[in-house]
Amino acid sequence: MGPEAPTAVIEFINAFNAEDLERLGAVLDPDVVIHSARGTKRGIDEALAWARRVPEGELHQRIELDSIEAEGDRAIAHVRKQWWWHESDELAREDEMAWVFELQDGKIRSWRPEVRR
């Protein structure tokens, strides 16, 4: 994998955290497939609709990147999905996850979350 692939993964996480849909769309392959808890999303438009945040009441979400393993056109980002209270800015919950990315030509072709235990 070229050096652009981990950059795409880092940019995906940064754009996701910033809720910057334009930046997120820039790192996605036109035929991207997002495998989410809310079903499979195909193409950039569906991926960006998935990424739009719906306020979760008193909580907001943030992804903390711990490490990235990359081989060929695949990268695994070890992350912590965190939920923070709006009012106090205290951590409410944290889940360790592996975000699995398939890459093509420096763009994200697919994304799938896996809970780490």
C-alpha atoms as a PDB file:
ATOM      1  CA  MET A   1       0.000   0.000   0.000  1.00  0.00           C
ATOM      2  CA  GLY A   2       1.318   3.438  -0.861  1.00  0.00           C
ATOM      3  CA  PRO A   3       1.680   6.163   1.739  1.00  0.00           C
ATOM      4  CA  GLU A   4      -1.613   7.717   0.613  1.00  0.00           C
ATOM      5  CA  ALA A   5      -3.716   4.851   2.004  1.00  0.00           C
ATOM      6  CA  PRO A   6      -3.054   5.462   5.717  1.00  0.00           C
ATOM      7  CA  THR A   7      -3.496   9.178   4.975  1.00  0.00           C
ATOM      8  CA  ALA A   8      -6.992   8.449   3.617  1.00  0.00           C
ATOM      9  CA  VAL A   9      -7.837   6.506   6.783  1.00  0.00           C
ATOM     10  CA  ILE A  10      -6.581   9.299   9.040  1.00  0.00           C
ATOM     11  CA  GLU A  11      -8.465  11.885   6.988  1.00  0.00           C
ATOM     12  CA  PHE A  12     -11.648   9.751   7.161  1.00  0.00           C
ATOM     13  CA  ILE A  13     -11.440   9.715  10.985  1.00  0.00           C
ATOM     14  CA  ASN A  14     -10.576  13.421  11.233  1.00  0.00           C
ATOM     15  CA  ALA A  15     -13.390  14.422   8.863  1.00  0.00           C
ATOM     16  CA  PHE A  16     -15.820  12.132  10.695  1.00  0.00           C
ATOM     17  CA  ASN A  17     -14.918  13.743  14.043  1.00  0.00           C
ATOM     18  CA  ALA A  18     -15.201  17.258  12.585  1.00  0.00           C
ATOM     19  CA  GLU A  19     -18.521  16.351  10.918  1.00  0.00           C
ATOM     20  CA  ASP A  20     -16.986  17.741   7.711  1.00  0.00           C
ATOM     21  CA  LEU A  21     -18.881  15.939   4.974  1.00  0.00           C
ATOM     22  CA  GLU A  22     -16.958  17.653   2.172  1.00  0.00           C
ATOM     23  CA  ARG A  23     -13.618  16.402   3.534  1.00  0.00           C
ATOM     24  CA  LEU A  24     -15.083  12.970   4.125  1.00  0.00           C
ATOM     25  CA  GLY A  25     -16.431  12.732   0.586  1.00  0.00           C
ATOM     26  CA  ALA A  26     -13.013  13.687  -0.797  1.00  0.00           C
ATOM     27  CA  VAL A  27     -11.405  10.476   0.535  1.00  0.00           C
ATOM     28  CA  LEU A  28     -14.170   8.124  -0.622  1.00  0.00           C
ATOM     29  CA  ASP A  29     -14.103   6.083  -3.805  1.00  0.00           C
ATOM     30  CA  PRO A  30     -17.209   6.824  -5.939  1.00  0.00           C
ATOM     31  CA  ASP A  31     -18.327   3.198  -5.408  1.00  0.00           C
ATOM     32  CA  VAL A  32     -17.624   3.140  -1.653  1.00  0.00           C
ATOM     33  CA  VAL A  33     -19.508   0.606   0.467  1.00  0.00           C
ATOM     34  CA  ILE A  34     -20.193   1.466   4.122  1.00  0.00           C
ATOM     35  CA  HIS A  35     -21.170  -1.498   6.305  1.00  0.00           C
ATOM     36  CA  SER A  36     -22.908   0.066   9.301  1.00  0.00           C
ATOM     37  CA  ALA A  37     -25.244  -1.025  12.063  1.00  0.00           C
ATOM     38  CA  ARG A  38     -27.964   0.766  10.085  1.00  0.00           C
ATOM     39  CA  GLY A  39     -27.328  -1.360   6.988  1.00  0.00           C
ATOM     40  CA  THR A  40     -25.109  -1.238   3.925  1.00  0.00           C
ATOM     41  CA  LYS A  41     -24.696   2.121   2.199  1.00  0.00           C
ATOM     42  CA  ARG A  42     -23.392   2.331  -1.372  1.00  0.00           C
ATOM     43  CA  GLY A  43     -21.841   5.316  -3.130  1.00  0.00           C
ATOM     44  CA  ILE A  44     -20.724   8.678  -1.812  1.00  0.00           C
ATOM     45  CA  ASP A  45     -24.237  10.154  -1.405  1.00  0.00           C
ATOM     46  CA  GLU A  46     -25.421   7.278   0.800  1.00  0.00           C
ATOM     47  CA  ALA A  47     -22.116   7.285   2.712  1.00  0.00           C
ATOM     48  CA  LEU A  48     -22.443  10.996   3.478  1.00  0.00           C
ATOM     49  CA  ALA A  49     -26.086  10.557   4.512  1.00  0.00           C
ATOM     50  CA  TRP A  50     -24.876   7.843   6.932  1.00  0.00           C
ATOM     51  CA  ALA A  51     -22.149  10.136   8.303  1.00  0.00           C
ATOM     52  CA  ARG A  52     -24.526  13.028   9.069  1.00  0.00           C
ATOM     53  CA  ARG A  53     -24.893  13.158  12.821  1.00  0.00           C
ATOM     54  CA  VAL A  54     -28.274  13.130  14.401  1.00  0.00           C
ATOM     55  CA  PRO A  55     -27.973  14.654  17.868  1.00  0.00           C
ATOM     56  CA  GLU A  56     -27.984  11.854  20.444  1.00  0.00           C
ATOM     57  CA  GLY A  57     -29.700  13.915  23.125  1.00  0.00           C
ATOM     58  CA  GLU A  58     -27.185  14.774  25.806  1.00  0.00           C
ATOM     59  CA  LEU A  59     -24.232  12.953  24.188  1.00  0.00           C
ATOM     60  CA  HIS A  60     -21.791  13.596  21.351  1.00  0.00           C
ATOM     61  CA  GLN A  61     -19.508  11.067  19.687  1.00  0.00           C
ATOM     62  CA  ARG A  62     -15.757  11.164  19.033  1.00  0.00           C
ATOM     63  CA  ILE A  63     -13.349   8.624  17.558  1.00  0.00           C
ATOM     64  CA  GLU A  64      -9.857   8.335  19.060  1.00  0.00           C
ATOM     65  CA  LEU A  65      -7.275   6.634  16.850  1.00  0.00           C
ATOM     66  CA  ASP A  66      -4.848   4.313  18.658  1.00  0.00           C
ATOM     67  CA  SER A  67      -2.997   2.697  15.729  1.00  0.00           C
ATOM     68  CA  ILE A  68      -3.229   1.649  12.080  1.00  0.00           C
ATOM     69  CA  GLU A  69      -2.076  -1.626  10.558  1.00  0.00           C
ATOM     70  CA  ALA A  70      -1.745  -1.541   6.780  1.00  0.00           C
ATOM     71  CA  GLU A  71      -1.011  -4.278   4.270  1.00  0.00           C
ATOM     72  CA  GLY A  72      -1.709  -4.156   0.568  1.00  0.00           C
ATOM     73  CA  ASP A  73      -5.005  -2.370  -0.045  1.00  0.00           C
ATOM     74  CA  ARG A  74      -6.319  -3.034   3.448  1.00  0.00           C
ATOM     75  CA  ALA A  75      -5.930  -1.018   6.637  1.00  0.00           C
ATOM     76  CA  ILE A  76      -7.202  -1.661  10.124  1.00  0.00           C
ATOM     77  CA  ALA A  77      -7.564   1.339  12.405  1.00  0.00           C
ATOM     78  CA  HIS A  78      -7.721   0.469  16.088  1.00  0.00           C
ATOM     79  CA  VAL A  79     -10.003   3.115  17.572  1.00  0.00           C
ATOM     80  CA  ARG A  80     -11.973   3.984  20.655  1.00  0.00           C
ATOM     81  CA  LYS A  81     -15.525   5.163  19.969  1.00  0.00           C
ATOM     82  CA  GLN A  82     -16.293   7.610  22.747  1.00  0.00           C
ATOM     83  CA  TRP A  83     -19.544   9.167  23.887  1.00  0.00           C
ATOM     84  CA  TRP A  84     -19.208  12.450  25.803  1.00  0.00           C
ATOM     85  CA  TRP A  85     -21.823  14.366  27.815  1.00  0.00           C
ATOM     86  CA  HIS A  86     -22.527  17.764  26.203  1.00  0.00           C
ATOM     87  CA  GLU A  87     -23.077  19.678  29.414  1.00  0.00           C
ATOM     88  CA  SER A  88     -20.150  18.425  31.534  1.00  0.00           C
ATOM     89  CA  ASP A  89     -17.839  17.211  28.737  1.00  0.00           C
ATOM     90  CA  GLU A  90     -17.248  14.022  30.736  1.00  0.00           C
ATOM     91  CA  LEU A  91     -16.758  10.632  29.115  1.00  0.00           C
ATOM     92  CA  ALA A  92     -19.984   8.593  29.309  1.00  0.00           C
ATOM     93  CA  ARG A  93     -18.920   5.454  27.426  1.00  0.00           C
ATOM     94  CA  GLU A  94     -16.071   4.067  25.373  1.00  0.00           C
ATOM     95  CA  ASP A  95     -15.971   1.054  23.034  1.00  0.00           C
ATOM     96  CA  GLU A  96     -12.782  -0.369  21.549  1.00  0.00           C
ATOM     97  CA  MET A  97     -13.241  -1.087  17.864  1.00  0.00           C
ATOM     98  CA  ALA A  98     -11.356  -2.021  14.746  1.00  0.00           C
ATOM     99  CA  TRP A  99     -12.349  -0.060  11.681  1.00  0.00           C
ATOM    100  CA  VAL A 100     -11.499  -2.142   8.606  1.00  0.00           C
ATOM    101  CA  PHE A 101     -10.845  -0.226   5.404  1.00  0.00           C
ATOM    102  CA  GLU A 102     -10.378  -1.490   1.861  1.00  0.00           C
ATOM    103  CA  LEU A 103      -8.583   1.045  -0.318  1.00  0.00           C
ATOM    104  CA  GLN A 104      -8.249   1.648  -4.023  1.00  0.00           C
ATOM    105  CA  ASP A 105      -6.071   4.300  -5.669  1.00  0.00           C
ATOM    106  CA  GLY A 106      -5.640   6.152  -2.364  1.00  0.00           C
ATOM    107  CA  LYS A 107      -9.397   6.314  -1.720  1.00  0.00           C
ATOM    108  CA  ILE A 108     -11.576   4.368   0.694  1.00  0.00           C
ATOM    109  CA  ARG A 109     -13.445   1.639  -1.178  1.00  0.00           C
ATOM    110  CA  SER A 110     -15.133   0.106   1.883  1.00  0.00           C
ATOM    111  CA  TRP A 111     -15.445   0.568   5.632  1.00  0.00           C
ATOM    112  CA  ARG A 112     -16.610  -1.911   8.244  1.00  0.00           C
ATOM    113  CA  PRO A 113     -16.545  -1.558  12.043  1.00  0.00           C
ATOM    114  CA  GLU A 114     -15.731  -4.522  14.281  1.00  0.00           C
ATOM    115  CA  VAL A 115     -16.018  -4.459  18.070  1.00  0.00           C
ATOM    116  CA  ARG A 116     -12.801  -5.521  19.806  1.00  0.00           C
ATOM    117  CA  ARG A 117     -13.102  -7.683  22.872  1.00  0.00           C
END
